[in-house]
């Protein structure tokens, strides 16, 4: 017998677009690697789960029960429009 369960979680997300206004994913990754800090939690955008390109600007978000993560401009635009 096979049983498949899907678990859905709801998070409170707050966007902070002006925290790192000019930082790209590549710059962030390089600075963490230089200091020996893992950046795997930040590799994908939290809201849409797509990978960042090295030259793409990151937007800091705070996620309830998780901490800080990154989002993209499209996710920020959806948040400003009130879309879920």
PDB file of N, CA and C in Angstrom:
ATOM      1  N   UNK A   1       0.850  -1.165   0.000  1.00  0.00           N
ATOM      2  CA  UNK A   1       0.000   0.000   0.000  1.00  0.00           C
ATOM      3  C   UNK A   1       0.907   1.243   0.000  1.00  0.00           C
ATOM      4  N   UNK A   2       0.536   2.230  -0.785  1.00  0.00           N
ATOM      5  CA  UNK A   2       1.236   3.498  -0.848  1.00  0.00           C
ATOM      6  C   UNK A   2       0.329   4.612  -0.347  1.00  0.00           C
ATOM      7  N   UNK A   3       0.840   5.438   0.518  1.00  0.00           N
ATOM      8  CA  UNK A   3       0.088   6.584   1.018  1.00  0.00           C
ATOM      9  C   UNK A   3       0.919   7.828   0.765  1.00  0.00           C
ATOM     10  N   UNK A   4       0.325   8.817   0.120  1.00  0.00           N
ATOM     11  CA  UNK A   4       0.996  10.074  -0.145  1.00  0.00           C
ATOM     12  C   UNK A   4       0.289  11.170   0.629  1.00  0.00           C
ATOM     13  N   UNK A   5       1.053  11.918   1.423  1.00  0.00           N
ATOM     14  CA  UNK A   5       0.495  13.031   2.182  1.00  0.00           C
ATOM     15  C   UNK A   5       1.218  14.303   1.771  1.00  0.00           C
ATOM     16  N   UNK A   6       0.469  15.346   1.648  1.00  0.00           N
ATOM     17  CA  UNK A   6       1.035  16.648   1.344  1.00  0.00           C
ATOM     18  C   UNK A   6       0.784  17.559   2.533  1.00  0.00           C
ATOM     19  N   UNK A   7       1.843  18.124   3.047  1.00  0.00           N
ATOM     20  CA  UNK A   7       1.723  19.018   4.185  1.00  0.00           C
ATOM     21  C   UNK A   7       1.877  20.448   3.699  1.00  0.00           C
ATOM     22  N   UNK A   8       0.968  21.282   4.103  1.00  0.00           N
ATOM     23  CA  UNK A   8       0.992  22.682   3.708  1.00  0.00           C
ATOM     24  C   UNK A   8       1.213  23.541   4.948  1.00  0.00           C
ATOM     25  N   UNK A   9       2.114  24.505   4.844  1.00  0.00           N
ATOM     26  CA  UNK A   9       2.407  25.403   5.941  1.00  0.00           C
ATOM     27  C   UNK A   9       2.202  26.835   5.490  1.00  0.00           C
ATOM     28  N   UNK A  10       1.729  27.659   6.395  1.00  0.00           N
ATOM     29  CA  UNK A  10       1.526  29.071   6.104  1.00  0.00           C
ATOM     30  C   UNK A  10       2.538  29.879   6.900  1.00  0.00           C
ATOM     31  N   UNK A  11       3.201  30.810   6.224  1.00  0.00           N
ATOM     32  CA  UNK A  11       4.218  31.643   6.855  1.00  0.00           C
ATOM     33  C   UNK A  11       3.838  33.106   6.744  1.00  0.00           C
ATOM     34  N   UNK A  12       4.175  33.873   7.744  1.00  0.00           N
ATOM     35  CA  UNK A  12       4.046  35.325   7.692  1.00  0.00           C
ATOM     36  C   UNK A  12       5.359  35.854   7.113  1.00  0.00           C
ATOM     37  N   UNK A  13       5.282  36.586   6.013  1.00  0.00           N
ATOM     38  CA  UNK A  13       6.476  37.081   5.326  1.00  0.00           C
ATOM     39  C   UNK A  13       6.439  38.607   5.298  1.00  0.00           C
ATOM     40  N   UNK A  14       7.524  39.224   5.727  1.00  0.00           N
ATOM     41  CA  UNK A  14       7.664  40.675   5.692  1.00  0.00           C
ATOM     42  C   UNK A  14       8.838  41.021   4.788  1.00  0.00           C
ATOM     43  N   UNK A  15       8.587  41.886   3.815  1.00  0.00           N
ATOM     44  CA  UNK A  15       9.615  42.282   2.852  1.00  0.00           C
ATOM     45  C   UNK A  15      10.377  43.508   3.350  1.00  0.00           C
ATOM     46  N   UNK A  16      11.702  43.492   3.152  1.00  0.00           N
ATOM     47  CA  UNK A  16      12.575  44.611   3.484  1.00  0.00           C
ATOM     48  C   UNK A  16      13.422  44.957   2.255  1.00  0.00           C
ATOM     49  N   UNK A  17      12.823  45.619   1.251  1.00  0.00           N
ATOM     50  CA  UNK A  17      13.538  45.854  -0.017  1.00  0.00           C
ATOM     51  C   UNK A  17      14.708  46.827   0.073  1.00  0.00           C
ATOM     52  N   UNK A  18      14.818  47.598   1.162  1.00  0.00           N
ATOM     53  CA  UNK A  18      15.880  48.604   1.241  1.00  0.00           C
ATOM     54  C   UNK A  18      17.026  48.197   2.158  1.00  0.00           C
ATOM     55  N   UNK A  19      17.017  46.970   2.662  1.00  0.00           N
ATOM     56  CA  UNK A  19      18.078  46.523   3.568  1.00  0.00           C
ATOM     57  C   UNK A  19      19.397  46.332   2.823  1.00  0.00           C
ATOM     58  N   UNK A  20      19.388  45.650   1.700  1.00  0.00           N
ATOM     59  CA  UNK A  20      20.588  45.452   0.866  1.00  0.00           C
ATOM     60  C   UNK A  20      20.264  45.967  -0.533  1.00  0.00           C
ATOM     61  N   UNK A  21      20.148  47.291  -0.706  1.00  0.00           N
ATOM     62  CA  UNK A  21      19.599  47.830  -1.951  1.00  0.00           C
ATOM     63  C   UNK A  21      20.399  47.547  -3.214  1.00  0.00           C
ATOM     64  N   UNK A  22      21.698  47.376  -3.106  1.00  0.00           N
ATOM     65  CA  UNK A  22      22.509  47.189  -4.307  1.00  0.00           C
ATOM     66  C   UNK A  22      23.212  45.844  -4.359  1.00  0.00           C
ATOM     67  N   UNK A  23      22.948  44.944  -3.430  1.00  0.00           N
ATOM     68  CA  UNK A  23      23.672  43.669  -3.380  1.00  0.00           C
ATOM     69  C   UNK A  23      23.043  42.644  -4.315  1.00  0.00           C
ATOM     70  N   UNK A  24      23.912  41.956  -5.059  1.00  0.00           N
ATOM     71  CA  UNK A  24      23.446  40.883  -5.933  1.00  0.00           C
ATOM     72  C   UNK A  24      23.678  39.544  -5.241  1.00  0.00           C
ATOM     73  N   UNK A  25      23.042  38.514  -5.773  1.00  0.00           N
ATOM     74  CA  UNK A  25      23.214  37.178  -5.215  1.00  0.00           C
ATOM     75  C   UNK A  25      24.685  36.751  -5.270  1.00  0.00           C
ATOM     76  N   UNK A  26      25.360  37.043  -6.369  1.00  0.00           N
ATOM     77  CA  UNK A  26      26.764  36.666  -6.516  1.00  0.00           C
ATOM     78  C   UNK A  26      27.656  37.323  -5.464  1.00  0.00           C
ATOM     79  N   UNK A  27      27.422  38.606  -5.190  1.00  0.00           N
ATOM     80  CA  UNK A  27      28.198  39.310  -4.166  1.00  0.00           C
ATOM     81  C   UNK A  27      27.938  38.724  -2.780  1.00  0.00           C
ATOM     82  N   UNK A  28      26.677  38.431  -2.488  1.00  0.00           N
ATOM     83  CA  UNK A  28      26.323  37.848  -1.199  1.00  0.00           C
ATOM     84  C   UNK A  28      26.981  36.481  -1.019  1.00  0.00           C
ATOM     85  N   UNK A  29      26.859  35.642  -2.047  1.00  0.00           N
ATOM     86  CA  UNK A  29      27.428  34.291  -1.991  1.00  0.00           C
ATOM     87  C   UNK A  29      28.943  34.342  -1.796  1.00  0.00           C
ATOM     88  N   UNK A  30      29.610  35.201  -2.564  1.00  0.00           N
ATOM     89  CA  UNK A  30      31.067  35.324  -2.454  1.00  0.00           C
ATOM     90  C   UNK A  30      31.500  35.802  -1.072  1.00  0.00           C
ATOM     91  N   UNK A  31      30.775  36.741  -0.496  1.00  0.00           N
ATOM     92  CA  UNK A  31      31.150  37.250   0.832  1.00  0.00           C
ATOM     93  C   UNK A  31      30.983  36.168   1.894  1.00  0.00           C
ATOM     94  N   UNK A  32      29.951  35.341   1.772  1.00  0.00           N
ATOM     95  CA  UNK A  32      29.762  34.258   2.738  1.00  0.00           C
ATOM     96  C   UNK A  32      30.808  33.164   2.547  1.00  0.00           C
ATOM     97  N   UNK A  33      31.119  32.830   1.299  1.00  0.00           N
ATOM     98  CA  UNK A  33      32.135  31.805   1.032  1.00  0.00           C
ATOM     99  C   UNK A  33      33.508  32.262   1.536  1.00  0.00           C
ATOM    100  N   UNK A  34      33.826  33.541   1.360  1.00  0.00           N
ATOM    101  CA  UNK A  34      35.100  34.090   1.806  1.00  0.00           C
ATOM    102  C   UNK A  34      35.251  33.973   3.329  1.00  0.00           C
ATOM    103  N   UNK A  35      34.132  34.081   4.034  1.00  0.00           N
ATOM    104  CA  UNK A  35      34.146  33.987   5.491  1.00  0.00           C
ATOM    105  C   UNK A  35      33.833  32.573   5.999  1.00  0.00           C
ATOM    106  N   UNK A  36      33.706  31.608   5.090  1.00  0.00           N
ATOM    107  CA  UNK A  36      33.468  30.221   5.471  1.00  0.00           C
ATOM    108  C   UNK A  36      32.068  29.959   5.994  1.00  0.00           C
ATOM    109  N   UNK A  37      31.085  30.751   5.552  1.00  0.00           N
ATOM    110  CA  UNK A  37      29.704  30.598   6.012  1.00  0.00           C
ATOM    111  C   UNK A  37      28.876  29.962   4.903  1.00  0.00           C
ATOM    112  N   UNK A  38      28.071  28.988   5.262  1.00  0.00           N
ATOM    113  CA  UNK A  38      27.208  28.286   4.321  1.00  0.00           C
ATOM    114  C   UNK A  38      26.110  29.226   3.817  1.00  0.00           C
ATOM    115  N   UNK A  39      25.815  29.182   2.526  1.00  0.00           N
ATOM    116  CA  UNK A  39      24.752  30.021   1.957  1.00  0.00           C
ATOM    117  C   UNK A  39      23.652  29.179   1.311  1.00  0.00           C
ATOM    118  N   UNK A  40      23.587  27.901   1.618  1.00  0.00           N
ATOM    119  CA  UNK A  40      22.627  27.013   0.960  1.00  0.00           C
ATOM    120  C   UNK A  40      21.171  27.387   1.244  1.00  0.00           C
ATOM    121  N   UNK A  41      20.888  27.966   2.418  1.00  0.00           N
ATOM    122  CA  UNK A  41      19.515  28.359   2.745  1.00  0.00           C
ATOM    123  C   UNK A  41      19.024  29.500   1.866  1.00  0.00           C
ATOM    124  N   UNK A  42      19.940  30.212   1.241  1.00  0.00           N
ATOM    125  CA  UNK A  42      19.590  31.402   0.466  1.00  0.00           C
ATOM    126  C   UNK A  42      19.650  31.173  -1.044  1.00  0.00           C
ATOM    127  N   UNK A  43      20.012  29.970  -1.498  1.00  0.00           N
ATOM    128  CA  UNK A  43      20.220  29.722  -2.929  1.00  0.00           C
ATOM    129  C   UNK A  43      18.971  29.946  -3.766  1.00  0.00           C
ATOM    130  N   UNK A  44      17.816  29.624  -3.195  1.00  0.00           N
ATOM    131  CA  UNK A  44      16.563  29.781  -3.929  1.00  0.00           C
ATOM    132  C   UNK A  44      15.700  30.840  -3.266  1.00  0.00           C
ATOM    133  N   UNK A  45      14.901  31.482  -4.084  1.00  0.00           N
ATOM    134  CA  UNK A  45      13.965  32.490  -3.573  1.00  0.00           C
ATOM    135  C   UNK A  45      12.925  31.780  -2.718  1.00  0.00           C
ATOM    136  N   UNK A  46      12.634  32.320  -1.553  1.00  0.00           N
ATOM    137  CA  UNK A  46      11.726  31.647  -0.640  1.00  0.00           C
ATOM    138  C   UNK A  46      10.305  31.577  -1.201  1.00  0.00           C
ATOM    139  N   UNK A  47       9.825  32.657  -1.801  1.00  0.00           N
ATOM    140  CA  UNK A  47       8.422  32.717  -2.233  1.00  0.00           C
ATOM    141  C   UNK A  47       8.126  31.877  -3.478  1.00  0.00           C
ATOM    142  N   UNK A  48       8.995  31.941  -4.481  1.00  0.00           N
ATOM    143  CA  UNK A  48       8.720  31.236  -5.743  1.00  0.00           C
ATOM    144  C   UNK A  48       9.646  30.050  -5.992  1.00  0.00           C
ATOM    145  N   UNK A  49      10.639  29.863  -5.121  1.00  0.00           N
ATOM    146  CA  UNK A  49      11.527  28.698  -5.148  1.00  0.00           C
ATOM    147  C   UNK A  49      12.399  28.582  -6.401  1.00  0.00           C
ATOM    148  N   UNK A  50      12.628  29.679  -7.097  1.00  0.00           N
ATOM    149  CA  UNK A  50      13.534  29.682  -8.245  1.00  0.00           C
ATOM    150  C   UNK A  50      14.947  30.037  -7.788  1.00  0.00           C
ATOM    151  N   UNK A  51      15.932  29.541  -8.496  1.00  0.00           N
ATOM    152  CA  UNK A  51      17.324  29.839  -8.164  1.00  0.00           C
ATOM    153  C   UNK A  51      17.679  31.249  -8.624  1.00  0.00           C
ATOM    154  N   UNK A  52      18.582  31.883  -7.902  1.00  0.00           N
ATOM    155  CA  UNK A  52      19.061  33.216  -8.261  1.00  0.00           C
ATOM    156  C   UNK A  52      20.169  33.120  -9.308  1.00  0.00           C
ATOM    157  N   UNK A  53      20.215  34.104 -10.206  1.00  0.00           N
ATOM    158  CA  UNK A  53      21.363  34.288 -11.099  1.00  0.00           C
ATOM    159  C   UNK A  53      22.376  35.140 -10.336  1.00  0.00           C
ATOM    160  N   UNK A  54      23.667  34.997 -10.646  1.00  0.00           N
ATOM    161  CA  UNK A  54      24.702  35.726  -9.914  1.00  0.00           C
ATOM    162  C   UNK A  54      24.537  37.239  -9.973  1.00  0.00           C
ATOM    163  N   UNK A  55      23.986  37.764 -11.064  1.00  0.00           N
ATOM    164  CA  UNK A  55      23.851  39.214 -11.197  1.00  0.00           C
ATOM    165  C   UNK A  55      22.485  39.743 -10.768  1.00  0.00           C
ATOM    166  N   UNK A  56      21.678  38.898 -10.161  1.00  0.00           N
ATOM    167  CA  UNK A  56      20.327  39.293  -9.752  1.00  0.00           C
ATOM    168  C   UNK A  56      20.326  39.923  -8.360  1.00  0.00           C
ATOM    169  N   UNK A  57      19.612  41.025  -8.218  1.00  0.00           N
ATOM    170  CA  UNK A  57      19.502  41.732  -6.941  1.00  0.00           C
ATOM    171  C   UNK A  57      18.648  40.911  -5.969  1.00  0.00           C
ATOM    172  N   UNK A  58      19.084  40.844  -4.712  1.00  0.00           N
ATOM    173  CA  UNK A  58      18.335  40.100  -3.693  1.00  0.00           C
ATOM    174  C   UNK A  58      17.503  41.061  -2.861  1.00  0.00           C
ATOM    175  N   UNK A  59      16.356  40.582  -2.386  1.00  0.00           N
ATOM    176  CA  UNK A  59      15.491  41.344  -1.496  1.00  0.00           C
ATOM    177  C   UNK A  59      15.341  40.537  -0.216  1.00  0.00           C
ATOM    178  N   UNK A  60      15.677  41.154   0.898  1.00  0.00           N
ATOM    179  CA  UNK A  60      15.619  40.477   2.192  1.00  0.00           C
ATOM    180  C   UNK A  60      14.170  40.381   2.654  1.00  0.00           C
ATOM    181  N   UNK A  61      13.801  39.195   3.141  1.00  0.00           N
ATOM    182  CA  UNK A  61      12.490  39.008   3.751  1.00  0.00           C
ATOM    183  C   UNK A  61      12.676  38.316   5.101  1.00  0.00           C
ATOM    184  N   UNK A  62      11.732  38.542   5.984  1.00  0.00           N
ATOM    185  CA  UNK A  62      11.713  37.856   7.267  1.00  0.00           C
ATOM    186  C   UNK A  62      10.550  36.880   7.237  1.00  0.00           C
ATOM    187  N   UNK A  63      10.829  35.617   7.509  1.00  0.00           N
ATOM    188  CA  UNK A  63       9.817  34.565   7.434  1.00  0.00           C
ATOM    189  C   UNK A  63       9.571  34.034   8.843  1.00  0.00           C
ATOM    190  N   UNK A  64       8.297  34.030   9.250  1.00  0.00           N
ATOM    191  CA  UNK A  64       7.962  33.564  10.587  1.00  0.00           C
ATOM    192  C   UNK A  64       8.430  32.132  10.799  1.00  0.00           C
ATOM    193  N   UNK A  65       8.956  31.861  11.955  1.00  0.00           N
ATOM    194  CA  UNK A  65       9.467  30.557  12.418  1.00  0.00           C
ATOM    195  C   UNK A  65      10.663  30.034  11.616  1.00  0.00           C
ATOM    196  N   UNK A  66      11.189  30.824  10.666  1.00  0.00           N
ATOM    197  CA  UNK A  66      12.353  30.399   9.886  1.00  0.00           C
ATOM    198  C   UNK A  66      13.499  31.387  10.034  1.00  0.00           C
ATOM    199  N   UNK A  67      13.228  32.664   9.849  1.00  0.00           N
ATOM    200  CA  UNK A  67      14.264  33.689   9.905  1.00  0.00           C
ATOM    201  C   UNK A  67      14.360  34.436   8.590  1.00  0.00           C
ATOM    202  N   UNK A  68      15.518  34.998   8.312  1.00  0.00           N
ATOM    203  CA  UNK A  68      15.723  35.787   7.099  1.00  0.00           C
ATOM    204  C   UNK A  68      15.969  34.891   5.890  1.00  0.00           C
ATOM    205  N   UNK A  69      15.393  35.281   4.778  1.00  0.00           N
ATOM    206  CA  UNK A  69      15.588  34.609   3.492  1.00  0.00           C
ATOM    207  C   UNK A  69      15.584  35.682   2.426  1.00  0.00           C
ATOM    208  N   UNK A  70      15.637  35.270   1.146  1.00  0.00           N
ATOM    209  CA  UNK A  70      15.636  36.205   0.029  1.00  0.00           C
ATOM    210  C   UNK A  70      14.421  35.982  -0.861  1.00  0.00           C
ATOM    211  N   UNK A  71      14.020  37.064  -1.508  1.00  0.00           N
ATOM    212  CA  UNK A  71      12.962  37.028  -2.518  1.00  0.00           C
ATOM    213  C   UNK A  71      13.465  37.799  -3.733  1.00  0.00           C
ATOM    214  N   UNK A  72      12.657  37.825  -4.797  1.00  0.00           N
ATOM    215  CA  UNK A  72      13.040  38.529  -6.023  1.00  0.00           C
ATOM    216  C   UNK A  72      12.105  39.709  -6.269  1.00  0.00           C
ATOM    217  N   UNK A  73      12.387  40.474  -7.317  1.00  0.00           N
ATOM    218  CA  UNK A  73      11.564  41.637  -7.641  1.00  0.00           C
ATOM    219  C   UNK A  73      10.129  41.234  -7.990  1.00  0.00           C
ATOM    220  N   UNK A  74       9.967  40.104  -8.668  1.00  0.00           N
ATOM    221  CA  UNK A  74       8.617  39.647  -9.033  1.00  0.00           C
ATOM    222  C   UNK A  74       7.802  39.307  -7.789  1.00  0.00           C
ATOM    223  N   UNK A  75       8.442  38.686  -6.802  1.00  0.00           N
ATOM    224  CA  UNK A  75       7.749  38.357  -5.547  1.00  0.00           C
ATOM    225  C   UNK A  75       7.369  39.631  -4.804  1.00  0.00           C
ATOM    226  N   UNK A  76       8.262  40.620  -4.806  1.00  0.00           N
ATOM    227  CA  UNK A  76       7.984  41.896  -4.166  1.00  0.00           C
ATOM    228  C   UNK A  76       6.816  42.595  -4.866  1.00  0.00           C
ATOM    229  N   UNK A  77       6.791  42.544  -6.175  1.00  0.00           N
ATOM    230  CA  UNK A  77       5.698  43.174  -6.937  1.00  0.00           C
ATOM    231  C   UNK A  77       4.364  42.499  -6.617  1.00  0.00           C
ATOM    232  N   UNK A  78       4.360  41.173  -6.513  1.00  0.00           N
ATOM    233  CA  UNK A  78       3.132  40.453  -6.135  1.00  0.00           C
ATOM    234  C   UNK A  78       2.678  40.852  -4.736  1.00  0.00           C
ATOM    235  N   UNK A  79       3.636  41.031  -3.826  1.00  0.00           N
ATOM    236  CA  UNK A  79       3.299  41.423  -2.452  1.00  0.00           C
ATOM    237  C   UNK A  79       2.708  42.818  -2.432  1.00  0.00           C
ATOM    238  N   UNK A  80       3.259  43.727  -3.229  1.00  0.00           N
ATOM    239  CA  UNK A  80       2.739  45.102  -3.293  1.00  0.00           C
ATOM    240  C   UNK A  80       1.349  45.149  -3.915  1.00  0.00           C
ATOM    241  N   UNK A  81       1.085  44.225  -4.857  1.00  0.00           N
ATOM    242  CA  UNK A  81      -0.224  44.155  -5.495  1.00  0.00           C
ATOM    243  C   UNK A  81      -1.257  43.455  -4.616  1.00  0.00           C
ATOM    244  N   UNK A  82      -0.797  42.822  -3.535  1.00  0.00           N
ATOM    245  CA  UNK A  82      -1.706  42.124  -2.634  1.00  0.00           C
ATOM    246  C   UNK A  82      -2.021  40.705  -3.051  1.00  0.00           C
ATOM    247  N   UNK A  83      -1.303  40.176  -4.037  1.00  0.00           N
ATOM    248  CA  UNK A  83      -1.528  38.802  -4.506  1.00  0.00           C
ATOM    249  C   UNK A  83      -0.878  37.819  -3.530  1.00  0.00           C
ATOM    250  N   UNK A  84      -1.388  36.613  -3.515  1.00  0.00           N
ATOM    251  CA  UNK A  84      -0.840  35.573  -2.646  1.00  0.00           C
ATOM    252  C   UNK A  84      -0.154  34.509  -3.446  1.00  0.00           C
TER     253      UNK A  84
END
